Amino acid sequence: MNSGETHSTPDFKVILGNIVADLKSYYPKTVLLFGSLARRLETGSDIVPHDIDLLVVGNNSPFELQSRDYGLPVEPLVFRVDQITAVAHSLRYDPKLVALSRLYSKNLAKAHAKDVIAAALLLGPTYGDYGIEQIEIEGQLDERDYSLHQVLSGEDWWSRLTAYARERRGPWRRFSDRLGGVEQFRV
């Protein structure tokens, strides 16, 4: 780098606006930013993220999202609507041990934490109270809040889904909800 050159930080808000605009043709229900960039924008941290972590919910997979140049690599977690609502349904109705075993068994079987991340985002900052364990890095507990996120599009849909997931009804109330026809999340 020449002495006259300065290294500038990318305008993340412009980058995120471009990503959301590119995703519109896929008709996502919601797009969330999470991870280090969300943490930076929320807390004002000076740590420059290495990628852009997104949770994209919709029935059309945005295949070319990772191939476009936004200045940072985009790491999308893509959920079909039925997949994310199944996670929310499990958090709402299943006994906690059953819900947790489902989340972590998928983590082990598929070698990714996609559903665990979705559950933390759905439950919000109290995800630890539900029993979702914090990540350890080199034997040390990672104190970062993994529920921290920013809704980039579909805020109304996402807030309805999180309210549904956070209202614990348990297996007994599930039966009465089923009789009343209100068990399933209304997409």
N, C-alpha and C. Protein backbone atom coordinates (compact mmCIF):
# COMPACT_ATOMS: atom_id res chain seq x y z
N MET A 1 0.83 -1.17 0.00
CA MET A 1 0.00 0.00 0.00
C MET A 1 0.88 1.24 0.00
N ASN A 2 0.64 2.17 -0.89
CA ASN A 2 1.40 3.42 -0.93
C ASN A 2 1.07 4.27 0.27
N SER A 3 1.97 5.18 0.61
CA SER A 3 1.74 6.02 1.78
C SER A 3 0.55 6.94 1.58
N GLY A 4 0.18 7.26 0.34
CA GLY A 4 -0.97 8.13 0.08
C GLY A 4 -2.29 7.38 0.09
N GLU A 5 -2.25 6.05 0.06
CA GLU A 5 -3.48 5.27 0.03
C GLU A 5 -4.00 5.04 1.45
N THR A 6 -5.31 5.00 1.57
CA THR A 6 -5.92 4.66 2.86
C THR A 6 -6.85 3.48 2.62
N HIS A 7 -6.93 2.65 3.62
CA HIS A 7 -7.81 1.49 3.54
C HIS A 7 -9.16 1.92 4.09
N SER A 8 -10.17 1.90 3.25
CA SER A 8 -11.48 2.35 3.71
C SER A 8 -12.36 1.15 4.04
N THR A 9 -13.22 1.36 5.01
CA THR A 9 -14.18 0.34 5.39
C THR A 9 -15.34 0.40 4.42
N PRO A 10 -15.80 -0.74 3.95
CA PRO A 10 -16.92 -0.73 3.00
C PRO A 10 -18.18 -0.15 3.66
N ASP A 11 -19.04 0.42 2.83
CA ASP A 11 -20.32 0.94 3.32
C ASP A 11 -21.28 -0.25 3.40
N PHE A 12 -21.39 -0.82 4.58
CA PHE A 12 -22.17 -2.03 4.76
C PHE A 12 -23.65 -1.82 4.49
N LYS A 13 -24.15 -0.65 4.77
CA LYS A 13 -25.57 -0.39 4.53
C LYS A 13 -25.89 -0.41 3.03
N VAL A 14 -24.99 0.09 2.23
CA VAL A 14 -25.16 0.04 0.77
C VAL A 14 -25.07 -1.40 0.29
N ILE A 15 -24.10 -2.13 0.80
CA ILE A 15 -23.94 -3.54 0.41
C ILE A 15 -25.20 -4.32 0.76
N LEU A 16 -25.71 -4.14 1.97
CA LEU A 16 -26.92 -4.85 2.39
C LEU A 16 -28.13 -4.45 1.56
N GLY A 17 -28.22 -3.18 1.21
CA GLY A 17 -29.30 -2.72 0.32
C GLY A 17 -29.24 -3.39 -1.04
N ASN A 18 -28.03 -3.56 -1.57
CA ASN A 18 -27.85 -4.24 -2.85
C ASN A 18 -28.25 -5.72 -2.76
N ILE A 19 -27.88 -6.35 -1.67
CA ILE A 19 -28.23 -7.76 -1.48
C ILE A 19 -29.75 -7.93 -1.41
N VAL A 20 -30.40 -7.09 -0.63
CA VAL A 20 -31.87 -7.17 -0.51
C VAL A 20 -32.53 -6.93 -1.86
N ALA A 21 -32.02 -5.96 -2.61
CA ALA A 21 -32.57 -5.69 -3.94
C ALA A 21 -32.40 -6.89 -4.86
N ASP A 22 -31.23 -7.54 -4.80
CA ASP A 22 -30.98 -8.72 -5.63
C ASP A 22 -31.86 -9.90 -5.22
N LEU A 23 -32.23 -9.97 -3.95
CA LEU A 23 -33.05 -11.07 -3.46
C LEU A 23 -34.55 -10.91 -3.75
N LYS A 24 -34.98 -9.71 -4.10
CA LYS A 24 -36.42 -9.47 -4.31
C LYS A 24 -37.03 -10.39 -5.36
N SER A 25 -36.28 -10.72 -6.38
CA SER A 25 -36.82 -11.57 -7.44
C SER A 25 -37.05 -13.01 -6.98
N TYR A 26 -36.54 -13.36 -5.79
CA TYR A 26 -36.74 -14.70 -5.23
C TYR A 26 -37.93 -14.74 -4.26
N TYR A 27 -38.52 -13.61 -4.00
CA TYR A 27 -39.70 -13.48 -3.13
C TYR A 27 -39.49 -14.10 -1.75
N PRO A 28 -38.46 -13.66 -1.04
CA PRO A 28 -38.26 -14.23 0.29
C PRO A 28 -39.32 -13.72 1.27
N LYS A 29 -39.67 -14.57 2.23
CA LYS A 29 -40.57 -14.14 3.31
C LYS A 29 -39.84 -13.18 4.23
N THR A 30 -38.57 -13.49 4.48
CA THR A 30 -37.76 -12.61 5.31
C THR A 30 -36.28 -12.82 4.99
N VAL A 31 -35.49 -11.79 5.25
CA VAL A 31 -34.04 -11.85 5.12
C VAL A 31 -33.47 -11.22 6.39
N LEU A 32 -32.62 -11.98 7.08
CA LEU A 32 -32.01 -11.51 8.32
C LEU A 32 -30.50 -11.48 8.18
N LEU A 33 -29.90 -10.48 8.75
CA LEU A 33 -28.45 -10.39 8.88
C LEU A 33 -28.12 -10.81 10.31
N PHE A 34 -27.16 -11.71 10.46
CA PHE A 34 -26.71 -12.10 11.79
C PHE A 34 -25.20 -12.24 11.75
N GLY A 35 -24.61 -12.63 12.84
CA GLY A 35 -23.16 -12.84 12.87
C GLY A 35 -22.38 -11.57 13.13
N SER A 36 -21.14 -11.57 12.69
CA SER A 36 -20.22 -10.48 13.03
C SER A 36 -20.63 -9.14 12.44
N LEU A 37 -21.20 -9.12 11.25
CA LEU A 37 -21.63 -7.84 10.67
C LEU A 37 -22.82 -7.27 11.43
N ALA A 38 -23.77 -8.11 11.81
CA ALA A 38 -24.90 -7.64 12.61
C ALA A 38 -24.40 -7.10 13.95
N ARG A 39 -23.44 -7.78 14.54
CA ARG A 39 -22.86 -7.36 15.81
C ARG A 39 -22.16 -6.01 15.64
N ARG A 40 -21.44 -5.85 14.53
CA ARG A 40 -20.73 -4.59 14.28
C ARG A 40 -21.72 -3.43 14.12
N LEU A 41 -22.77 -3.66 13.34
CA LEU A 41 -23.75 -2.59 13.12
C LEU A 41 -24.54 -2.25 14.38
N GLU A 42 -24.78 -3.25 15.22
CA GLU A 42 -25.55 -3.04 16.46
C GLU A 42 -24.72 -2.39 17.55
N THR A 43 -23.50 -2.85 17.72
CA THR A 43 -22.70 -2.39 18.86
C THR A 43 -21.67 -1.33 18.50
N GLY A 44 -21.44 -1.12 17.19
CA GLY A 44 -20.42 -0.16 16.79
C GLY A 44 -19.01 -0.72 16.89
N SER A 45 -18.90 -2.03 16.99
CA SER A 45 -17.61 -2.69 17.09
C SER A 45 -16.73 -2.30 15.90
N ASP A 46 -15.43 -2.23 16.14
CA ASP A 46 -14.53 -1.90 15.03
C ASP A 46 -13.95 -3.14 14.36
N ILE A 47 -14.42 -4.31 14.75
CA ILE A 47 -13.97 -5.55 14.12
C ILE A 47 -14.61 -5.66 12.74
N VAL A 48 -13.76 -5.77 11.72
CA VAL A 48 -14.25 -5.87 10.35
C VAL A 48 -14.62 -7.33 10.07
N PRO A 49 -15.86 -7.57 9.68
CA PRO A 49 -16.28 -8.96 9.42
C PRO A 49 -15.61 -9.53 8.18
N HIS A 50 -15.51 -10.86 8.16
CA HIS A 50 -14.90 -11.55 7.02
C HIS A 50 -15.95 -12.01 6.01
N ASP A 51 -17.22 -12.01 6.43
CA ASP A 51 -18.29 -12.43 5.53
C ASP A 51 -19.61 -11.81 5.99
N ILE A 52 -20.64 -12.04 5.20
CA ILE A 52 -21.98 -11.54 5.50
C ILE A 52 -22.86 -12.76 5.72
N ASP A 53 -23.28 -12.94 6.96
CA ASP A 53 -24.13 -14.08 7.32
C ASP A 53 -25.59 -13.68 7.19
N LEU A 54 -26.32 -14.41 6.36
CA LEU A 54 -27.74 -14.12 6.14
C LEU A 54 -28.58 -15.36 6.42
N LEU A 55 -29.76 -15.14 6.94
CA LEU A 55 -30.78 -16.18 7.00
C LEU A 55 -31.85 -15.74 6.01
N VAL A 56 -32.08 -16.57 5.00
CA VAL A 56 -33.04 -16.26 3.95
C VAL A 56 -34.15 -17.31 4.01
N VAL A 57 -35.38 -16.86 4.17
CA VAL A 57 -36.52 -17.77 4.23
C VAL A 57 -37.39 -17.53 3.01
N GLY A 58 -37.57 -18.58 2.23
CA GLY A 58 -38.42 -18.50 1.04
C GLY A 58 -38.39 -19.83 0.32
N ASN A 59 -39.28 -19.98 -0.60
CA ASN A 59 -39.37 -21.26 -1.31
C ASN A 59 -38.59 -21.26 -2.62
N ASN A 60 -37.89 -20.18 -2.91
CA ASN A 60 -37.04 -20.10 -4.10
C ASN A 60 -35.61 -19.88 -3.63
N SER A 61 -34.72 -20.79 -3.94
CA SER A 61 -33.33 -20.68 -3.51
C SER A 61 -32.57 -19.65 -4.33
N PRO A 62 -31.93 -18.70 -3.66
CA PRO A 62 -31.15 -17.68 -4.37
C PRO A 62 -29.77 -18.20 -4.75
N PHE A 63 -29.73 -18.98 -5.83
CA PHE A 63 -28.50 -19.68 -6.22
C PHE A 63 -27.32 -18.75 -6.48
N GLU A 64 -27.55 -17.64 -7.15
CA GLU A 64 -26.42 -16.80 -7.57
C GLU A 64 -25.94 -15.84 -6.49
N LEU A 65 -26.56 -15.85 -5.33
CA LEU A 65 -26.20 -14.91 -4.27
C LEU A 65 -24.73 -15.02 -3.89
N GLN A 66 -24.21 -16.24 -3.78
CA GLN A 66 -22.82 -16.42 -3.37
C GLN A 66 -21.83 -16.09 -4.49
N SER A 67 -22.29 -16.07 -5.73
CA SER A 67 -21.37 -15.81 -6.84
C SER A 67 -21.23 -14.32 -7.15
N ARG A 68 -22.06 -13.50 -6.61
CA ARG A 68 -21.97 -12.05 -6.86
C ARG A 68 -20.93 -11.43 -5.93
N ASP A 69 -20.33 -10.35 -6.42
CA ASP A 69 -19.28 -9.68 -5.65
C ASP A 69 -19.89 -8.50 -4.89
N TYR A 70 -19.97 -8.66 -3.57
CA TYR A 70 -20.46 -7.58 -2.71
C TYR A 70 -19.33 -6.99 -1.87
N GLY A 71 -18.11 -7.39 -2.15
CA GLY A 71 -16.98 -6.91 -1.38
C GLY A 71 -16.59 -7.87 -0.26
N LEU A 72 -17.54 -8.65 0.19
CA LEU A 72 -17.32 -9.70 1.18
C LEU A 72 -18.08 -10.93 0.72
N PRO A 73 -17.61 -12.12 1.05
CA PRO A 73 -18.38 -13.31 0.69
C PRO A 73 -19.71 -13.35 1.46
N VAL A 74 -20.75 -13.80 0.80
CA VAL A 74 -22.06 -13.93 1.42
C VAL A 74 -22.25 -15.39 1.81
N GLU A 75 -22.62 -15.62 3.05
CA GLU A 75 -22.84 -16.96 3.58
C GLU A 75 -24.32 -17.09 3.96
N PRO A 76 -25.16 -17.50 3.03
CA PRO A 76 -26.59 -17.58 3.36
C PRO A 76 -26.98 -18.93 3.97
N LEU A 77 -27.82 -18.88 4.98
CA LEU A 77 -28.52 -20.06 5.48
C LEU A 77 -29.91 -19.96 4.86
N VAL A 78 -30.22 -20.86 3.97
CA VAL A 78 -31.49 -20.79 3.24
C VAL A 78 -32.45 -21.82 3.82
N PHE A 79 -33.62 -21.36 4.20
CA PHE A 79 -34.68 -22.22 4.71
C PHE A 79 -35.90 -22.08 3.81
N ARG A 80 -36.51 -23.20 3.48
CA ARG A 80 -37.85 -23.13 2.90
C ARG A 80 -38.80 -22.73 4.02
N VAL A 81 -39.94 -22.18 3.67
CA VAL A 81 -40.89 -21.72 4.67
C VAL A 81 -41.28 -22.87 5.61
N ASP A 82 -41.53 -24.05 5.06
CA ASP A 82 -41.94 -25.18 5.90
C ASP A 82 -40.82 -25.62 6.84
N GLN A 83 -39.57 -25.45 6.47
CA GLN A 83 -38.46 -25.85 7.34
C GLN A 83 -38.36 -24.94 8.56
N ILE A 84 -38.43 -23.63 8.35
CA ILE A 84 -38.28 -22.71 9.49
C ILE A 84 -39.52 -22.74 10.37
N THR A 85 -40.70 -22.92 9.76
CA THR A 85 -41.91 -23.01 10.60
C THR A 85 -41.92 -24.32 11.39
N ALA A 86 -41.28 -25.37 10.88
CA ALA A 86 -41.16 -26.62 11.64
C ALA A 86 -40.28 -26.41 12.88
N VAL A 87 -39.21 -25.64 12.74
CA VAL A 87 -38.36 -25.32 13.90
C VAL A 87 -39.17 -24.53 14.92
N ALA A 88 -39.91 -23.52 14.45
CA ALA A 88 -40.74 -22.71 15.35
C ALA A 88 -41.81 -23.56 16.02
N HIS A 89 -42.41 -24.46 15.28
CA HIS A 89 -43.45 -25.35 15.81
C HIS A 89 -42.86 -26.25 16.90
N SER A 90 -41.68 -26.77 16.69
CA SER A 90 -41.03 -27.62 17.68
C SER A 90 -40.71 -26.83 18.95
N LEU A 91 -40.20 -25.61 18.79
CA LEU A 91 -39.89 -24.77 19.96
C LEU A 91 -41.15 -24.45 20.76
N ARG A 92 -42.27 -24.31 20.08
CA ARG A 92 -43.53 -23.94 20.71
C ARG A 92 -44.18 -25.12 21.43
N TYR A 93 -44.20 -26.29 20.81
CA TYR A 93 -45.00 -27.39 21.32
C TYR A 93 -44.23 -28.57 21.90
N ASP A 94 -43.08 -28.88 21.38
CA ASP A 94 -42.38 -30.07 21.85
C ASP A 94 -41.82 -29.84 23.25
N PRO A 95 -41.75 -30.91 24.06
CA PRO A 95 -41.01 -30.78 25.32
C PRO A 95 -39.59 -30.31 24.99
N LYS A 96 -39.03 -29.49 25.85
CA LYS A 96 -37.73 -28.89 25.56
C LYS A 96 -36.67 -29.93 25.19
N LEU A 97 -36.64 -31.04 25.91
CA LEU A 97 -35.63 -32.05 25.61
C LEU A 97 -35.81 -32.64 24.22
N VAL A 98 -37.05 -32.80 23.79
CA VAL A 98 -37.32 -33.32 22.44
C VAL A 98 -36.88 -32.29 21.40
N ALA A 99 -37.27 -31.04 21.61
CA ALA A 99 -36.90 -29.98 20.66
C ALA A 99 -35.38 -29.85 20.56
N LEU A 100 -34.71 -29.87 21.71
CA LEU A 100 -33.25 -29.75 21.70
C LEU A 100 -32.59 -30.94 21.04
N SER A 101 -33.11 -32.14 21.29
CA SER A 101 -32.51 -33.31 20.65
C SER A 101 -32.70 -33.26 19.14
N ARG A 102 -33.83 -32.75 18.68
CA ARG A 102 -34.03 -32.60 17.23
C ARG A 102 -33.04 -31.60 16.64
N LEU A 103 -32.89 -30.48 17.31
CA LEU A 103 -31.96 -29.46 16.82
C LEU A 103 -30.54 -30.00 16.74
N TYR A 104 -30.08 -30.62 17.82
CA TYR A 104 -28.70 -31.07 17.86
C TYR A 104 -28.46 -32.34 17.07
N SER A 105 -29.48 -33.19 16.90
CA SER A 105 -29.27 -34.39 16.08
C SER A 105 -29.08 -34.00 14.62
N LYS A 106 -29.80 -32.98 14.16
CA LYS A 106 -29.58 -32.50 12.79
C LYS A 106 -28.19 -31.89 12.68
N ASN A 107 -27.77 -31.23 13.73
CA ASN A 107 -26.43 -30.64 13.76
C ASN A 107 -25.38 -31.73 13.58
N LEU A 108 -25.54 -32.85 14.28
CA LEU A 108 -24.58 -33.95 14.17
C LEU A 108 -24.70 -34.68 12.84
N ALA A 109 -25.93 -34.96 12.42
CA ALA A 109 -26.14 -35.75 11.20
C ALA A 109 -25.74 -35.00 9.94
N LYS A 110 -25.99 -33.71 9.90
CA LYS A 110 -25.73 -32.94 8.68
C LYS A 110 -24.47 -32.09 8.78
N ALA A 111 -23.82 -32.13 9.93
CA ALA A 111 -22.56 -31.41 10.16
C ALA A 111 -22.69 -29.90 9.95
N HIS A 112 -23.83 -29.36 10.31
CA HIS A 112 -23.97 -27.91 10.35
C HIS A 112 -24.97 -27.54 11.43
N ALA A 113 -24.88 -26.32 11.90
CA ALA A 113 -25.73 -25.86 12.99
C ALA A 113 -26.88 -25.00 12.50
N LYS A 114 -27.32 -25.22 11.29
CA LYS A 114 -28.36 -24.39 10.66
C LYS A 114 -29.60 -24.25 11.54
N ASP A 115 -30.15 -25.36 12.02
CA ASP A 115 -31.37 -25.31 12.83
C ASP A 115 -31.11 -24.70 14.21
N VAL A 116 -29.93 -24.94 14.78
CA VAL A 116 -29.59 -24.35 16.07
C VAL A 116 -29.50 -22.83 15.94
N ILE A 117 -28.89 -22.36 14.87
CA ILE A 117 -28.80 -20.92 14.62
C ILE A 117 -30.19 -20.34 14.45
N ALA A 118 -31.04 -21.01 13.66
CA ALA A 118 -32.41 -20.53 13.46
C ALA A 118 -33.16 -20.47 14.78
N ALA A 119 -32.99 -21.49 15.63
CA ALA A 119 -33.67 -21.50 16.93
C ALA A 119 -33.21 -20.33 17.80
N ALA A 120 -31.91 -20.05 17.81
CA ALA A 120 -31.39 -18.92 18.60
C ALA A 120 -31.98 -17.60 18.08
N LEU A 121 -32.07 -17.45 16.76
CA LEU A 121 -32.64 -16.24 16.19
C LEU A 121 -34.14 -16.14 16.50
N LEU A 122 -34.85 -17.26 16.45
CA LEU A 122 -36.28 -17.26 16.75
C LEU A 122 -36.57 -16.94 18.21
N LEU A 123 -35.77 -17.49 19.12
CA LEU A 123 -36.03 -17.32 20.54
C LEU A 123 -35.53 -16.00 21.09
N GLY A 124 -34.58 -15.37 20.42
CA GLY A 124 -34.05 -14.11 20.90
C GLY A 124 -33.01 -14.31 22.00
N PRO A 125 -32.70 -13.25 22.73
CA PRO A 125 -31.62 -13.31 23.73
C PRO A 125 -31.81 -14.35 24.83
N THR A 126 -33.02 -14.84 25.02
CA THR A 126 -33.26 -15.83 26.07
C THR A 126 -33.06 -17.26 25.58
N TYR A 127 -32.43 -17.44 24.42
CA TYR A 127 -32.26 -18.80 23.89
C TYR A 127 -31.50 -19.70 24.86
N GLY A 128 -30.62 -19.15 25.67
CA GLY A 128 -29.90 -19.94 26.66
C GLY A 128 -30.83 -20.50 27.73
N ASP A 129 -31.86 -19.76 28.08
CA ASP A 129 -32.84 -20.24 29.06
C ASP A 129 -33.61 -21.44 28.53
N TYR A 130 -33.74 -21.52 27.22
CA TYR A 130 -34.43 -22.65 26.61
C TYR A 130 -33.59 -23.93 26.68
N GLY A 131 -32.28 -23.74 26.74
CA GLY A 131 -31.37 -24.89 26.82
C GLY A 131 -30.39 -24.98 25.67
N ILE A 132 -30.44 -24.02 24.76
CA ILE A 132 -29.49 -24.01 23.66
C ILE A 132 -28.15 -23.58 24.23
N GLU A 133 -27.14 -24.43 24.02
CA GLU A 133 -25.85 -24.18 24.63
C GLU A 133 -25.01 -23.22 23.82
N GLN A 134 -24.25 -22.43 24.55
CA GLN A 134 -23.37 -21.47 23.93
C GLN A 134 -22.17 -22.21 23.34
N ILE A 135 -21.59 -21.63 22.34
CA ILE A 135 -20.45 -22.22 21.65
C ILE A 135 -19.18 -22.00 22.46
N GLU A 136 -18.30 -22.98 22.44
CA GLU A 136 -16.99 -22.82 23.07
C GLU A 136 -15.94 -22.71 21.98
N ILE A 137 -15.02 -21.80 22.17
CA ILE A 137 -13.91 -21.62 21.25
C ILE A 137 -12.62 -21.83 22.04
N GLU A 138 -11.86 -22.85 21.64
CA GLU A 138 -10.62 -23.21 22.31
C GLU A 138 -10.82 -23.35 23.82
N GLY A 139 -11.90 -24.02 24.22
CA GLY A 139 -12.17 -24.29 25.62
C GLY A 139 -12.74 -23.13 26.41
N GLN A 140 -12.92 -21.98 25.77
CA GLN A 140 -13.47 -20.82 26.45
C GLN A 140 -14.89 -20.56 25.95
N LEU A 141 -15.80 -20.23 26.87
CA LEU A 141 -17.17 -19.93 26.50
C LEU A 141 -17.23 -18.66 25.67
N ASP A 142 -17.85 -18.75 24.51
CA ASP A 142 -18.02 -17.59 23.63
C ASP A 142 -19.19 -16.77 24.16
N GLU A 143 -18.93 -15.58 24.62
CA GLU A 143 -19.94 -14.74 25.26
C GLU A 143 -20.81 -13.95 24.28
N ARG A 144 -20.53 -14.06 23.00
CA ARG A 144 -21.30 -13.28 22.03
C ARG A 144 -22.74 -13.76 21.99
N ASP A 145 -23.64 -12.85 21.72
CA ASP A 145 -25.07 -13.15 21.64
C ASP A 145 -25.38 -13.64 20.23
N TYR A 146 -25.72 -14.92 20.10
CA TYR A 146 -25.99 -15.50 18.79
C TYR A 146 -27.41 -15.25 18.32
N SER A 147 -28.19 -14.54 19.11
CA SER A 147 -29.54 -14.19 18.66
C SER A 147 -29.57 -12.80 18.04
N LEU A 148 -28.47 -12.09 18.15
CA LEU A 148 -28.41 -10.73 17.62
C LEU A 148 -28.56 -10.76 16.10
N HIS A 149 -29.53 -10.00 15.61
CA HIS A 149 -29.76 -9.97 14.17
C HIS A 149 -30.44 -8.67 13.78
N GLN A 150 -30.48 -8.47 12.50
CA GLN A 150 -31.14 -7.30 11.93
C GLN A 150 -32.03 -7.80 10.80
N VAL A 151 -33.31 -7.44 10.84
CA VAL A 151 -34.22 -7.86 9.79
C VAL A 151 -34.04 -6.90 8.61
N LEU A 152 -33.64 -7.45 7.47
CA LEU A 152 -33.42 -6.62 6.28
C LEU A 152 -34.67 -6.51 5.42
N SER A 153 -35.51 -7.54 5.45
CA SER A 153 -36.81 -7.48 4.77
C SER A 153 -37.73 -8.51 5.40
N GLY A 154 -39.03 -8.26 5.30
CA GLY A 154 -40.02 -9.18 5.85
C GLY A 154 -40.16 -9.09 7.36
N GLU A 155 -40.07 -7.89 7.90
CA GLU A 155 -40.09 -7.71 9.35
C GLU A 155 -41.42 -8.16 9.98
N ASP A 156 -42.55 -7.87 9.34
CA ASP A 156 -43.84 -8.28 9.90
C ASP A 156 -43.95 -9.80 9.98
N TRP A 157 -43.56 -10.50 8.91
CA TRP A 157 -43.62 -11.95 8.89
C TRP A 157 -42.70 -12.54 9.96
N TRP A 158 -41.49 -12.02 10.07
CA TRP A 158 -40.54 -12.52 11.04
C TRP A 158 -41.03 -12.28 12.47
N SER A 159 -41.60 -11.12 12.74
CA SER A 159 -42.08 -10.86 14.11
C SER A 159 -43.26 -11.78 14.46
N ARG A 160 -44.11 -12.11 13.51
CA ARG A 160 -45.19 -13.06 13.77
C ARG A 160 -44.63 -14.45 14.07
N LEU A 161 -43.63 -14.87 13.29
CA LEU A 161 -43.03 -16.18 13.49
C LEU A 161 -42.31 -16.27 14.83
N THR A 162 -41.56 -15.23 15.20
CA THR A 162 -40.86 -15.27 16.49
C THR A 162 -41.85 -15.26 17.65
N ALA A 163 -42.94 -14.51 17.54
CA ALA A 163 -43.96 -14.52 18.59
C ALA A 163 -44.57 -15.91 18.73
N TYR A 164 -44.82 -16.57 17.61
CA TYR A 164 -45.35 -17.94 17.61
C TYR A 164 -44.37 -18.90 18.30
N ALA A 165 -43.09 -18.83 17.95
CA ALA A 165 -42.08 -19.74 18.50
C ALA A 165 -41.86 -19.49 19.99
N ARG A 166 -41.93 -18.24 20.42
CA ARG A 166 -41.61 -17.89 21.81
C ARG A 166 -42.76 -18.18 22.77
N GLU A 167 -43.95 -18.35 22.27
CA GLU A 167 -45.08 -18.65 23.16
C GLU A 167 -45.13 -20.15 23.38
N ARG A 168 -44.48 -20.59 24.46
CA ARG A 168 -44.44 -22.02 24.77
C ARG A 168 -45.84 -22.51 25.11
N ARG A 169 -46.30 -23.49 24.37
CA ARG A 169 -47.62 -24.07 24.62
C ARG A 169 -47.50 -25.50 25.15
N GLY A 170 -46.43 -26.17 24.84
CA GLY A 170 -46.21 -27.52 25.34
C GLY A 170 -47.13 -28.54 24.71
N PRO A 171 -46.87 -29.80 24.98
CA PRO A 171 -47.64 -30.87 24.34
C PRO A 171 -49.10 -30.92 24.76
N TRP A 172 -49.42 -30.53 26.00
CA TRP A 172 -50.82 -30.59 26.44
C TRP A 172 -51.67 -29.54 25.76
N ARG A 173 -51.15 -28.34 25.66
CA ARG A 173 -51.91 -27.28 24.99
C ARG A 173 -51.95 -27.49 23.48
N ARG A 174 -51.00 -28.25 22.98
CA ARG A 174 -51.00 -28.55 21.55
C ARG A 174 -52.30 -29.25 21.15
N PHE A 175 -52.76 -30.14 22.00
CA PHE A 175 -54.00 -30.86 21.71
C PHE A 175 -55.17 -29.90 21.60
N SER A 176 -55.29 -28.97 22.54
CA SER A 176 -56.41 -28.01 22.47
C SER A 176 -56.24 -27.07 21.28
N ASP A 177 -55.01 -26.70 20.96
CA ASP A 177 -54.78 -25.86 19.79
C ASP A 177 -55.14 -26.59 18.50
N ARG A 178 -54.85 -27.89 18.46
CA ARG A 178 -55.19 -28.70 17.30
C ARG A 178 -56.72 -28.75 17.14
N LEU A 179 -57.43 -28.95 18.25
CA LEU A 179 -58.90 -28.97 18.20
C LEU A 179 -59.46 -27.63 17.73
N GLY A 180 -58.82 -26.56 18.16
CA GLY A 180 -59.27 -25.22 17.77
C GLY A 180 -58.79 -24.77 16.41
N GLY A 181 -57.96 -25.59 15.77
CA GLY A 181 -57.45 -25.25 14.44
C GLY A 181 -56.41 -24.14 14.43
N VAL A 182 -55.71 -23.96 15.56
CA VAL A 182 -54.72 -22.88 15.64
C VAL A 182 -53.32 -23.39 15.91
N GLU A 183 -53.10 -24.69 15.67
CA GLU A 183 -51.79 -25.29 15.94
C GLU A 183 -50.72 -24.82 14.95
N GLN A 184 -51.06 -24.74 13.70
CA GLN A 184 -50.09 -24.41 12.66
C GLN A 184 -49.92 -22.90 12.53
N PHE A 185 -48.69 -22.49 12.25
CA PHE A 185 -48.40 -21.09 11.99
C PHE A 185 -49.03 -20.69 10.66
N ARG A 186 -49.72 -19.59 10.65
CA ARG A 186 -50.38 -19.09 9.42
C ARG A 186 -49.36 -18.32 8.59
N VAL A 187 -48.95 -18.94 7.50
CA VAL A 187 -47.94 -18.35 6.64
C VAL A 187 -48.53 -17.13 5.96
